[in-house]
Every structure is written in structure tokens, then in C-alpha cells.
């Protein structure tokens, strides 16, 4: 049984079709990513999954339960780590966990044991008696994830879990997500960091204007949309672009660069050097960020 299954899932706000008849399936125990520019519909989709927003039409099952009739049961079985910091500043680190756990009707001894275990898991045991304002931003993010796990969820939703964190804190959270995957916890992730999605997600979707435009494994999407290599050329000429276009190569031209997407980077570079003088170029591995920008565009979305 899949952890989440959506068929023609739709969400409409007045005249805005925020999510437009999308289909996807999340398997038990995998890390599944929702990517997209601002306003693409990914956050709205996540809110429907954890029953914070009702669906307009279509079908959505979470852990085998229909969201329309089983919201209470679904909420009891999942954990949500929101992007915003909504920890209680009046409580200590440990009490933030134990008080939250009471909402699930857990016995006191279970609350205490689970809180201590999660603090150790997130490397926060030494900070358990400190107030929220006394700990760093990275510690707050780890505490929010720990809090989301107080009910021992079958499904964990992480909304931008590492936004604004330093590299050390980001890598620690990545390590913990991998550990959760090894324990067969299903993880749903939204992030604007493409390297994060590429490292953590077994599969993902890229959304734009309420629709799913790409879906699959990160490496497969890179090979499918970009190839293996990206050749970046500084200050390309119009004649060079005409040549590249005539050869049928996939490319993009920005204000000051040309990016050629290929599986034969060295051969393409050698051919161009025969015909044109290039002040600077490089050949690098294609990434998920290339896929994202190629499929959703480079224009800024507010």
C-alpha cells in the first residue's frame, strides 16, 4: 500500500487554480520531494496531505485513509515540521517536546522516554534545559523536526527543513533524514536547495503553475532533460549561437553566458574551439538545478 496516493487532486481558491488535477504516488519508506518556484502549488499540496487544507476535488489517500473522512486519524499518524519557527519560547527545549506530545494522549512515561530519545537523536541532549531563545537557529530546526516525531509518525513532512542554516547544520539534518529512511519512515520534503533534493530524494516531482511538469528519480531526470554534461561559455557571440542552433544541440543563452546540454562535453568543446575563439569555458556535471531552471525558467517568481 502506498503512503500517499493522489488522483486528479485539485485545489481552487476563488479564481486561482493552485493545484490542477495532479496525479502522484509516494511509496512507503521513501523520501519524496516536491520542488517548484514560489506559487507552483507544492505547499498547497503538502497542506492537503496533512489535512490543513481541504481538497476541492479529486482523490487523496494518506496511509490508506481518505482525507475527506479520516483527517483526525491521519493527523495522529503523521508528523509535520513547518518552515516557520513556532516553538514555544516560554518552555525549555525538552518541555517543548513533552507538552506537544500530550496532544496525542501519550502517557507521561512514554513522553519522557521519547523526548530524551529524540533529543539524543537530534544531538540536543546537552541543551534540554535551555530556553528556546538561548539556542541557535540550527538547533531550533532540529528541535522542530524532533517535535514532529513525538507521536512516532509513519509519515514525516519536512517543509524547507534547512533554510538559512550553515553547512554543518544542513549536513547533520541530511544525516538524520537518511537515518529515518533506513528505519522505513516515509519522508516528504519541500526544499529550494536542489543539491539537498538530489542527495536525499528517492523520487520527486517538479511543479509549476499548479501542475506536475516532471516526475521521477533525480538522476533519471538529469539524464532525461539535460544529459551528463553542461558546457558553460562566457560572452558567446551571435555567430556561435547560430552555429550551436544549426548543430541541433540543446542550449540556453543568458545575459552573459551560453549553456550547452550534452552527453559529449569534450567533443562539443573541441568542435567549438575549431571554429570560435572562446575567452573562457568550462565543462561540468549536470545537476538537478539545471533540470529545475531548464523546466521552470530563469525568471524570478515573487
C-alpha atoms as a PDB file:
ATOM      1  CA  UNK A   1       0.000   0.000   0.000  1.00  0.00           C
ATOM      2  CA  UNK A   2       1.442   3.421  -0.957  1.00  0.00           C
ATOM      3  CA  UNK A   3       1.914   6.007   1.787  1.00  0.00           C
ATOM      4  CA  UNK A   4       0.176   8.679  -0.295  1.00  0.00           C
ATOM      5  CA  UNK A   5      -1.861   8.402  -3.471  1.00  0.00           C
ATOM      6  CA  UNK A   6      -3.377  11.316  -5.376  1.00  0.00           C
ATOM      7  CA  UNK A   7      -5.617  11.182  -8.434  1.00  0.00           C
ATOM      8  CA  UNK A   8      -6.726  14.368 -10.215  1.00  0.00           C
ATOM      9  CA  UNK A   9      -6.017  16.258  -6.985  1.00  0.00           C
ATOM     10  CA  UNK A  10      -7.270  19.824  -7.293  1.00  0.00           C
ATOM     11  CA  UNK A  11      -7.351  22.895  -5.063  1.00  0.00           C
ATOM     12  CA  UNK A  12      -9.105  26.109  -6.075  1.00  0.00           C
ATOM     13  CA  UNK A  13      -9.057  29.437  -4.211  1.00  0.00           C
ATOM     14  CA  UNK A  14     -11.681  31.752  -5.739  1.00  0.00           C
ATOM     15  CA  UNK A  15     -10.336  32.262  -9.294  1.00  0.00           C
ATOM     16  CA  UNK A  16      -6.933  30.697  -8.590  1.00  0.00           C
ATOM     17  CA  UNK A  17      -6.379  27.045  -9.501  1.00  0.00           C
ATOM     18  CA  UNK A  18      -3.486  26.449  -7.101  1.00  0.00           C
ATOM     19  CA  UNK A  19      -3.265  22.686  -7.728  1.00  0.00           C
ATOM     20  CA  UNK A  20      -4.531  21.498 -11.085  1.00  0.00           C
ATOM     21  CA  UNK A  21      -5.619  17.842 -11.302  1.00  0.00           C
ATOM     22  CA  UNK A  22      -2.282  16.236 -10.391  1.00  0.00           C
ATOM     23  CA  UNK A  23      -1.512  12.521 -10.015  1.00  0.00           C
ATOM     24  CA  UNK A  24       1.299  11.105  -7.899  1.00  0.00           C
ATOM     25  CA  UNK A  25       2.077   8.207  -5.607  1.00  0.00           C
ATOM     26  CA  UNK A  26       4.517   8.068  -2.682  1.00  0.00           C
ATOM     27  CA  UNK A  27       5.749   4.647  -1.662  1.00  0.00           C
ATOM     28  CA  UNK A  28       6.188   3.580   1.928  1.00  0.00           C
ATOM     29  CA  UNK A  29       9.697   4.217   3.268  1.00  0.00           C
ATOM     30  CA  UNK A  30      10.926   6.541   0.519  1.00  0.00           C
ATOM     31  CA  UNK A  31      11.933  10.188   0.608  1.00  0.00           C
ATOM     32  CA  UNK A  32       9.755  12.047  -1.873  1.00  0.00           C
ATOM     33  CA  UNK A  33      10.356  15.657  -2.882  1.00  0.00           C
ATOM     34  CA  UNK A  34       8.096  18.462  -4.019  1.00  0.00           C
ATOM     35  CA  UNK A  35      10.042  21.123  -5.922  1.00  0.00           C
ATOM     36  CA  UNK A  36       8.903  24.227  -7.726  1.00  0.00           C
ATOM     37  CA  UNK A  37       9.163  28.014  -7.826  1.00  0.00           C
ATOM     38  CA  UNK A  38       7.116  30.171  -5.472  1.00  0.00           C
ATOM     39  CA  UNK A  39       3.413  29.794  -6.225  1.00  0.00           C
ATOM     40  CA  UNK A  40       3.851  26.481  -8.030  1.00  0.00           C
ATOM     41  CA  UNK A  41       1.384  24.670  -5.759  1.00  0.00           C
ATOM     42  CA  UNK A  42       3.756  22.492  -3.758  1.00  0.00           C
ATOM     43  CA  UNK A  43       2.963  23.996  -0.347  1.00  0.00           C
ATOM     44  CA  UNK A  44      -0.761  23.778  -1.053  1.00  0.00           C
ATOM     45  CA  UNK A  45      -0.324  20.106  -1.952  1.00  0.00           C
ATOM     46  CA  UNK A  46       1.547  19.473   1.277  1.00  0.00           C
ATOM     47  CA  UNK A  47      -1.170  21.205   3.292  1.00  0.00           C
ATOM     48  CA  UNK A  48      -3.790  18.942   1.734  1.00  0.00           C
ATOM     49  CA  UNK A  49      -1.703  15.871   2.573  1.00  0.00           C
ATOM     50  CA  UNK A  50      -1.525  16.757   6.268  1.00  0.00           C
ATOM     51  CA  UNK A  51      -5.184  17.856   6.362  1.00  0.00           C
ATOM     52  CA  UNK A  52      -4.503  21.537   6.976  1.00  0.00           C
ATOM     53  CA  UNK A  53      -6.493  22.438   3.852  1.00  0.00           C
ATOM     54  CA  UNK A  54      -9.459  20.523   2.352  1.00  0.00           C
ATOM     55  CA  UNK A  55      -9.251  19.285  -1.205  1.00  0.00           C
ATOM     56  CA  UNK A  56     -11.520  20.859  -3.826  1.00  0.00           C
ATOM     57  CA  UNK A  57     -11.849  17.766  -5.998  1.00  0.00           C
ATOM     58  CA  UNK A  58     -10.089  14.563  -6.955  1.00  0.00           C
ATOM     59  CA  UNK A  59      -8.918  11.824  -4.637  1.00  0.00           C
ATOM     60  CA  UNK A  60      -6.249  11.854  -1.925  1.00  0.00           C
ATOM     61  CA  UNK A  61      -5.371   8.927   0.317  1.00  0.00           C
ATOM     62  CA  UNK A  62      -2.794   9.153   3.121  1.00  0.00           C
ATOM     63  CA  UNK A  63      -1.682   5.903   4.792  1.00  0.00           C
ATOM     64  CA  UNK A  64      -4.637   4.175   3.176  1.00  0.00           C
ATOM     65  CA  UNK A  65      -7.170   6.687   4.528  1.00  0.00           C
ATOM     66  CA  UNK A  66      -9.295   9.170   2.563  1.00  0.00           C
ATOM     67  CA  UNK A  67      -8.546  12.739   3.685  1.00  0.00           C
ATOM     68  CA  UNK A  68     -12.197  13.724   3.350  1.00  0.00           C
ATOM     69  CA  UNK A  69     -13.338  11.398   6.132  1.00  0.00           C
ATOM     70  CA  UNK A  70     -10.266  10.466   8.166  1.00  0.00           C
ATOM     71  CA  UNK A  71      -8.454  13.741   8.891  1.00  0.00           C
ATOM     72  CA  UNK A  72      -8.241  13.109  12.627  1.00  0.00           C
ATOM     73  CA  UNK A  73      -6.755   9.641  12.155  1.00  0.00           C
ATOM     74  CA  UNK A  74      -4.310  10.920   9.525  1.00  0.00           C
ATOM     75  CA  UNK A  75      -3.094  13.751  11.763  1.00  0.00           C
ATOM     76  CA  UNK A  76      -2.489  11.259  14.571  1.00  0.00           C
ATOM     77  CA  UNK A  77      -0.284   9.128  12.322  1.00  0.00           C
ATOM     78  CA  UNK A  78       1.899  11.795  10.674  1.00  0.00           C
ATOM     79  CA  UNK A  79       4.426  14.396  11.801  1.00  0.00           C
ATOM     80  CA  UNK A  80       4.818  17.879  10.333  1.00  0.00           C
ATOM     81  CA  UNK A  81       7.907  20.078  10.663  1.00  0.00           C
ATOM     82  CA  UNK A  82       6.819  23.505   9.344  1.00  0.00           C
ATOM     83  CA  UNK A  83       9.191  26.017   7.795  1.00  0.00           C
ATOM     84  CA  UNK A  84       8.428  28.718  10.357  1.00  0.00           C
ATOM     85  CA  UNK A  85       9.748  28.590  13.906  1.00  0.00           C
ATOM     86  CA  UNK A  86       6.646  28.032  16.050  1.00  0.00           C
ATOM     87  CA  UNK A  87       8.373  26.652  19.140  1.00  0.00           C
ATOM     88  CA  UNK A  88       7.060  27.901  22.497  1.00  0.00           C
ATOM     89  CA  UNK A  89       9.587  30.480  23.783  1.00  0.00           C
ATOM     90  CA  UNK A  90       8.358  30.102  27.384  1.00  0.00           C
ATOM     91  CA  UNK A  91       9.350  26.427  27.562  1.00  0.00           C
ATOM     92  CA  UNK A  92      12.691  24.715  27.683  1.00  0.00           C
ATOM     93  CA  UNK A  93      13.921  22.591  24.788  1.00  0.00           C
ATOM     94  CA  UNK A  94      12.768  19.368  26.447  1.00  0.00           C
ATOM     95  CA  UNK A  95       9.408  20.737  27.584  1.00  0.00           C
ATOM     96  CA  UNK A  96       8.605  21.808  24.021  1.00  0.00           C
ATOM     97  CA  UNK A  97       8.624  18.103  23.194  1.00  0.00           C
ATOM     98  CA  UNK A  98       6.737  16.767  26.198  1.00  0.00           C
ATOM     99  CA  UNK A  99       3.947  19.362  26.031  1.00  0.00           C
ATOM    100  CA  UNK A 100       3.490  18.761  22.316  1.00  0.00           C
ATOM    101  CA  UNK A 101       3.344  15.018  22.890  1.00  0.00           C
ATOM    102  CA  UNK A 102       0.369  15.449  25.210  1.00  0.00           C
ATOM    103  CA  UNK A 103      -1.809  16.361  22.225  1.00  0.00           C
ATOM    104  CA  UNK A 104      -1.518  12.730  21.149  1.00  0.00           C
ATOM    105  CA  UNK A 105      -2.634  11.386  24.522  1.00  0.00           C
ATOM    106  CA  UNK A 106       0.676   9.717  25.270  1.00  0.00           C
ATOM    107  CA  UNK A 107       1.318   8.512  28.850  1.00  0.00           C
ATOM    108  CA  UNK A 108       3.814  10.564  30.863  1.00  0.00           C
ATOM    109  CA  UNK A 109       6.448   7.822  30.963  1.00  0.00           C
ATOM    110  CA  UNK A 110       6.255   7.444  27.173  1.00  0.00           C
ATOM    111  CA  UNK A 111       6.552  11.207  26.721  1.00  0.00           C
ATOM    112  CA  UNK A 112       9.632  11.414  28.924  1.00  0.00           C
ATOM    113  CA  UNK A 113      11.375   8.467  27.307  1.00  0.00           C
ATOM    114  CA  UNK A 114      10.582   9.563  23.766  1.00  0.00           C
ATOM    115  CA  UNK A 115      11.651  13.159  24.399  1.00  0.00           C
ATOM    116  CA  UNK A 116      15.016  12.019  25.736  1.00  0.00           C
ATOM    117  CA  UNK A 117      15.490   9.649  22.808  1.00  0.00           C
ATOM    118  CA  UNK A 118      14.690  12.352  20.229  1.00  0.00           C
ATOM    119  CA  UNK A 119      16.941  14.897  21.914  1.00  0.00           C
ATOM    120  CA  UNK A 120      19.774  12.400  21.681  1.00  0.00           C
ATOM    121  CA  UNK A 121      18.855  11.551  18.079  1.00  0.00           C
ATOM    122  CA  UNK A 122      18.999  15.237  17.109  1.00  0.00           C
ATOM    123  CA  UNK A 123      22.118  15.895  19.228  1.00  0.00           C
ATOM    124  CA  UNK A 124      20.299  18.273  21.565  1.00  0.00           C
ATOM    125  CA  UNK A 125      20.619  16.441  24.888  1.00  0.00           C
ATOM    126  CA  UNK A 126      23.060  18.994  26.300  1.00  0.00           C
ATOM    127  CA  UNK A 127      20.584  21.809  25.540  1.00  0.00           C
ATOM    128  CA  UNK A 128      17.481  20.164  27.036  1.00  0.00           C
ATOM    129  CA  UNK A 129      17.118  22.636  29.936  1.00  0.00           C
ATOM    130  CA  UNK A 130      17.761  25.801  27.923  1.00  0.00           C
ATOM    131  CA  UNK A 131      15.075  28.216  26.751  1.00  0.00           C
ATOM    132  CA  UNK A 132      14.348  28.498  23.030  1.00  0.00           C
ATOM    133  CA  UNK A 133      15.878  31.970  22.698  1.00  0.00           C
ATOM    134  CA  UNK A 134      19.156  30.590  24.048  1.00  0.00           C
ATOM    135  CA  UNK A 135      19.762  28.069  21.255  1.00  0.00           C
ATOM    136  CA  UNK A 136      20.952  28.583  17.676  1.00  0.00           C
ATOM    137  CA  UNK A 137      18.870  28.568  14.518  1.00  0.00           C
ATOM    138  CA  UNK A 138      20.185  25.149  13.540  1.00  0.00           C
ATOM    139  CA  UNK A 139      19.233  23.738  16.932  1.00  0.00           C
ATOM    140  CA  UNK A 140      15.723  25.172  16.573  1.00  0.00           C
ATOM    141  CA  UNK A 141      15.312  23.443  13.205  1.00  0.00           C
ATOM    142  CA  UNK A 142      16.461  20.138  14.691  1.00  0.00           C
ATOM    143  CA  UNK A 143      14.083  20.607  17.624  1.00  0.00           C
ATOM    144  CA  UNK A 144      11.153  21.270  15.279  1.00  0.00           C
ATOM    145  CA  UNK A 145      11.924  18.009  13.464  1.00  0.00           C
ATOM    146  CA  UNK A 146      12.251  16.173  16.785  1.00  0.00           C
ATOM    147  CA  UNK A 147       8.892  17.586  17.896  1.00  0.00           C
ATOM    148  CA  UNK A 148       7.286  16.358  14.672  1.00  0.00           C
ATOM    149  CA  UNK A 149       8.423  12.850  15.604  1.00  0.00           C
ATOM    150  CA  UNK A 150       6.976  12.774  19.141  1.00  0.00           C
ATOM    151  CA  UNK A 151       3.982  10.711  18.006  1.00  0.00           C
ATOM    152  CA  UNK A 152       6.281   8.170  16.302  1.00  0.00           C
ATOM    153  CA  UNK A 153       4.825   9.030  12.864  1.00  0.00           C
ATOM    154  CA  UNK A 154       4.620   6.677   9.912  1.00  0.00           C
ATOM    155  CA  UNK A 155       4.927   9.702   7.613  1.00  0.00           C
ATOM    156  CA  UNK A 156       7.090  12.782   8.261  1.00  0.00           C
ATOM    157  CA  UNK A 157       6.605  16.038   6.340  1.00  0.00           C
ATOM    158  CA  UNK A 158       9.603  18.409   6.247  1.00  0.00           C
ATOM    159  CA  UNK A 159       8.874  21.877   4.870  1.00  0.00           C
ATOM    160  CA  UNK A 160      12.141  23.630   3.952  1.00  0.00           C
ATOM    161  CA  UNK A 161      13.998  21.899   6.810  1.00  0.00           C
ATOM    162  CA  UNK A 162      17.405  23.555   6.262  1.00  0.00           C
ATOM    163  CA  UNK A 163      16.532  27.066   5.091  1.00  0.00           C
ATOM    164  CA  UNK A 164      19.014  29.581   6.457  1.00  0.00           C
ATOM    165  CA  UNK A 165      21.266  27.022   8.137  1.00  0.00           C
ATOM    166  CA  UNK A 166      25.044  26.829   7.947  1.00  0.00           C
ATOM    167  CA  UNK A 167      26.627  23.884   6.086  1.00  0.00           C
ATOM    168  CA  UNK A 168      27.349  21.889   9.259  1.00  0.00           C
ATOM    169  CA  UNK A 169      23.729  22.105  10.442  1.00  0.00           C
ATOM    170  CA  UNK A 170      22.421  21.230   6.974  1.00  0.00           C
ATOM    171  CA  UNK A 171      24.582  18.125   6.746  1.00  0.00           C
ATOM    172  CA  UNK A 172      23.514  16.985  10.202  1.00  0.00           C
ATOM    173  CA  UNK A 173      19.842  17.199   9.216  1.00  0.00           C
ATOM    174  CA  UNK A 174      20.615  15.330   5.976  1.00  0.00           C
ATOM    175  CA  UNK A 175      22.249  12.593   8.033  1.00  0.00           C
ATOM    176  CA  UNK A 176      19.157  12.321  10.242  1.00  0.00           C
ATOM    177  CA  UNK A 177      16.820  12.141   7.231  1.00  0.00           C
ATOM    178  CA  UNK A 178      18.888   9.269   5.830  1.00  0.00           C
ATOM    179  CA  UNK A 179      18.684   7.532   9.191  1.00  0.00           C
ATOM    180  CA  UNK A 180      14.887   7.895   9.187  1.00  0.00           C
ATOM    181  CA  UNK A 181      14.782   6.356   5.715  1.00  0.00           C
ATOM    182  CA  UNK A 182      16.775   3.379   6.981  1.00  0.00           C
ATOM    183  CA  UNK A 183      14.087   2.973   9.659  1.00  0.00           C
ATOM    184  CA  UNK A 184      11.445   2.858   6.879  1.00  0.00           C
ATOM    185  CA  UNK A 185       9.853   6.192   7.823  1.00  0.00           C
ATOM    186  CA  UNK A 186       8.270   7.825   4.773  1.00  0.00           C
ATOM    187  CA  UNK A 187       9.591  11.383   4.347  1.00  0.00           C
ATOM    188  CA  UNK A 188       8.031  14.118   2.216  1.00  0.00           C
ATOM    189  CA  UNK A 189      10.359  17.044   1.592  1.00  0.00           C
ATOM    190  CA  UNK A 190       9.992  20.501   0.116  1.00  0.00           C
ATOM    191  CA  UNK A 191      13.146  22.480  -0.475  1.00  0.00           C
ATOM    192  CA  UNK A 192      14.595  25.221  -2.651  1.00  0.00           C
ATOM    193  CA  UNK A 193      18.053  23.648  -2.357  1.00  0.00           C
ATOM    194  CA  UNK A 194      18.449  21.434  -5.405  1.00  0.00           C
ATOM    195  CA  UNK A 195      21.552  19.713  -4.033  1.00  0.00           C
ATOM    196  CA  UNK A 196      19.504  18.753  -0.972  1.00  0.00           C
ATOM    197  CA  UNK A 197      16.765  17.206  -3.104  1.00  0.00           C
ATOM    198  CA  UNK A 198      19.317  15.440  -5.302  1.00  0.00           C
ATOM    199  CA  UNK A 199      21.059  13.904  -2.281  1.00  0.00           C
ATOM    200  CA  UNK A 200      18.010  12.918  -0.224  1.00  0.00           C
ATOM    201  CA  UNK A 201      15.071  12.180  -2.518  1.00  0.00           C
ATOM    202  CA  UNK A 202      14.445   8.741  -3.972  1.00  0.00           C
ATOM    203  CA  UNK A 203      11.898  10.335  -6.290  1.00  0.00           C
ATOM    204  CA  UNK A 204      10.485  13.821  -6.730  1.00  0.00           C
ATOM    205  CA  UNK A 205       8.113  15.987  -8.700  1.00  0.00           C
ATOM    206  CA  UNK A 206       8.717  19.446 -10.102  1.00  0.00           C
ATOM    207  CA  UNK A 207       5.595  21.601 -10.113  1.00  0.00           C
ATOM    208  CA  UNK A 208       4.831  24.818 -11.960  1.00  0.00           C
ATOM    209  CA  UNK A 209       1.546  26.740 -12.146  1.00  0.00           C
ATOM    210  CA  UNK A 210      -0.276  24.040 -10.202  1.00  0.00           C
ATOM    211  CA  UNK A 211       0.761  21.163 -12.460  1.00  0.00           C
ATOM    212  CA  UNK A 212       3.400  18.450 -12.246  1.00  0.00           C
ATOM    213  CA  UNK A 213       5.747  19.043 -15.163  1.00  0.00           C
ATOM    214  CA  UNK A 214       8.377  16.403 -14.305  1.00  0.00           C
ATOM    215  CA  UNK A 215       8.381  13.322 -12.107  1.00  0.00           C
ATOM    216  CA  UNK A 216      10.982  10.645 -11.403  1.00  0.00           C
ATOM    217  CA  UNK A 217      14.313   9.831  -9.788  1.00  0.00           C
ATOM    218  CA  UNK A 218      16.742  12.770  -9.637  1.00  0.00           C
ATOM    219  CA  UNK A 219      19.451  11.073 -11.700  1.00  0.00           C
ATOM    220  CA  UNK A 220      16.937   9.915 -14.324  1.00  0.00           C
ATOM    221  CA  UNK A 221      15.539  13.441 -14.657  1.00  0.00           C
ATOM    222  CA  UNK A 222      19.033  14.880 -15.081  1.00  0.00           C
ATOM    223  CA  UNK A 223      19.849  12.377 -17.839  1.00  0.00           C
ATOM    224  CA  UNK A 224      16.457  12.895 -19.496  1.00  0.00           C
ATOM    225  CA  UNK A 225      16.321  16.706 -19.501  1.00  0.00           C
ATOM    226  CA  UNK A 226      19.993  17.753 -19.545  1.00  0.00           C
ATOM    227  CA  UNK A 227      22.319  14.845 -20.298  1.00  0.00           C
ATOM    228  CA  UNK A 228      25.513  14.191 -18.400  1.00  0.00           C
ATOM    229  CA  UNK A 229      27.420  17.426 -19.103  1.00  0.00           C
ATOM    230  CA  UNK A 230      26.877  21.174 -19.168  1.00  0.00           C
ATOM    231  CA  UNK A 231      29.292  23.341 -21.122  1.00  0.00           C
ATOM    232  CA  UNK A 232      29.275  26.963 -19.917  1.00  0.00           C
ATOM    233  CA  UNK A 233      30.696  29.580 -22.289  1.00  0.00           C
ATOM    234  CA  UNK A 234      31.327  33.177 -21.208  1.00  0.00           C
ATOM    235  CA  UNK A 235      30.376  36.020 -23.565  1.00  0.00           C
ATOM    236  CA  UNK A 236      29.199  33.925 -26.549  1.00  0.00           C
ATOM    237  CA  UNK A 237      28.750  35.635 -29.922  1.00  0.00           C
ATOM    238  CA  UNK A 238      25.637  35.587 -32.082  1.00  0.00           C
ATOM    239  CA  UNK A 239      27.582  33.608 -34.692  1.00  0.00           C
ATOM    240  CA  UNK A 240      28.371  30.976 -32.081  1.00  0.00           C
ATOM    241  CA  UNK A 241      24.703  30.697 -31.117  1.00  0.00           C
ATOM    242  CA  UNK A 242      23.739  30.316 -34.772  1.00  0.00           C
ATOM    243  CA  UNK A 243      26.286  27.503 -35.126  1.00  0.00           C
ATOM    244  CA  UNK A 244      25.108  25.719 -31.951  1.00  0.00           C
ATOM    245  CA  UNK A 245      21.490  26.012 -33.057  1.00  0.00           C
ATOM    246  CA  UNK A 246      22.358  24.689 -36.520  1.00  0.00           C
ATOM    247  CA  UNK A 247      24.040  21.631 -34.992  1.00  0.00           C
ATOM    248  CA  UNK A 248      20.799  20.823 -33.162  1.00  0.00           C
ATOM    249  CA  UNK A 249      22.402  20.979 -29.719  1.00  0.00           C
ATOM    250  CA  UNK A 250      20.242  21.759 -26.712  1.00  0.00           C
ATOM    251  CA  UNK A 251      21.268  25.097 -25.217  1.00  0.00           C
ATOM    252  CA  UNK A 252      20.216  28.208 -23.333  1.00  0.00           C
ATOM    253  CA  UNK A 253      21.591  31.706 -23.602  1.00  0.00           C
ATOM    254  CA  UNK A 254      21.543  34.062 -20.628  1.00  0.00           C
ATOM    255  CA  UNK A 255      22.738  37.665 -20.407  1.00  0.00           C
ATOM    256  CA  UNK A 256      26.431  36.775 -20.489  1.00  0.00           C
ATOM    257  CA  UNK A 257      26.663  33.014 -20.972  1.00  0.00           C
ATOM    258  CA  UNK A 258      25.650  30.117 -23.143  1.00  0.00           C
ATOM    259  CA  UNK A 259      24.886  26.740 -21.588  1.00  0.00           C
ATOM    260  CA  UNK A 260      25.036  23.682 -23.838  1.00  0.00           C
ATOM    261  CA  UNK A 261      23.438  20.485 -22.525  1.00  0.00           C
ATOM    262  CA  UNK A 262      25.039  17.329 -23.853  1.00  0.00           C
ATOM    263  CA  UNK A 263      26.327  13.847 -23.168  1.00  0.00           C
ATOM    264  CA  UNK A 264      29.559  14.601 -25.041  1.00  0.00           C
ATOM    265  CA  UNK A 265      31.001  17.702 -23.407  1.00  0.00           C
ATOM    266  CA  UNK A 266      34.599  17.220 -24.532  1.00  0.00           C
ATOM    267  CA  UNK A 267      33.624  16.601 -28.164  1.00  0.00           C
ATOM    268  CA  UNK A 268      31.368  19.664 -28.242  1.00  0.00           C
ATOM    269  CA  UNK A 269      34.144  21.818 -26.748  1.00  0.00           C
ATOM    270  CA  UNK A 270      36.684  20.543 -29.259  1.00  0.00           C
ATOM    271  CA  UNK A 271      34.378  21.290 -32.190  1.00  0.00           C
ATOM    272  CA  UNK A 272      33.578  24.812 -30.981  1.00  0.00           C
ATOM    273  CA  UNK A 273      37.265  25.602 -30.419  1.00  0.00           C
ATOM    274  CA  UNK A 274      37.929  24.783 -34.076  1.00  0.00           C
ATOM    275  CA  UNK A 275      35.503  27.467 -35.198  1.00  0.00           C
ATOM    276  CA  UNK A 276      35.463  30.133 -32.487  1.00  0.00           C
ATOM    277  CA  UNK A 277      37.761  31.888 -30.058  1.00  0.00           C
ATOM    278  CA  UNK A 278      36.403  31.433 -26.539  1.00  0.00           C
ATOM    279  CA  UNK A 279      37.669  33.641 -23.718  1.00  0.00           C
ATOM    280  CA  UNK A 280      36.556  31.156 -21.042  1.00  0.00           C
ATOM    281  CA  UNK A 281      34.519  27.979 -20.828  1.00  0.00           C
ATOM    282  CA  UNK A 282      34.071  25.036 -18.500  1.00  0.00           C
ATOM    283  CA  UNK A 283      32.553  21.580 -18.682  1.00  0.00           C
ATOM    284  CA  UNK A 284      30.831  20.334 -15.553  1.00  0.00           C
ATOM    285  CA  UNK A 285      28.481  17.570 -14.465  1.00  0.00           C
ATOM    286  CA  UNK A 286      24.791  18.249 -14.990  1.00  0.00           C
ATOM    287  CA  UNK A 287      22.780  18.742 -11.794  1.00  0.00           C
ATOM    288  CA  UNK A 288      19.185  18.814 -10.625  1.00  0.00           C
ATOM    289  CA  UNK A 289      19.414  22.610 -10.511  1.00  0.00           C
ATOM    290  CA  UNK A 290      19.977  22.580 -14.276  1.00  0.00           C
ATOM    291  CA  UNK A 291      16.816  20.494 -14.645  1.00  0.00           C
ATOM    292  CA  UNK A 292      14.859  22.863 -12.409  1.00  0.00           C
ATOM    293  CA  UNK A 293      15.922  26.012 -14.243  1.00  0.00           C
ATOM    294  CA  UNK A 294      15.523  24.410 -17.669  1.00  0.00           C
ATOM    295  CA  UNK A 295      11.982  23.225 -16.898  1.00  0.00           C
ATOM    296  CA  UNK A 296      10.618  26.174 -14.878  1.00  0.00           C
ATOM    297  CA  UNK A 297      12.573  29.066 -16.410  1.00  0.00           C
ATOM    298  CA  UNK A 298      15.074  31.543 -15.001  1.00  0.00           C
ATOM    299  CA  UNK A 299      12.693  34.450 -14.432  1.00  0.00           C
ATOM    300  CA  UNK A 300      12.291  35.488 -10.809  1.00  0.00           C
ATOM    301  CA  UNK A 301       8.965  34.435  -9.293  1.00  0.00           C
ATOM    302  CA  UNK A 302       7.619  36.548  -6.407  1.00  0.00           C
END
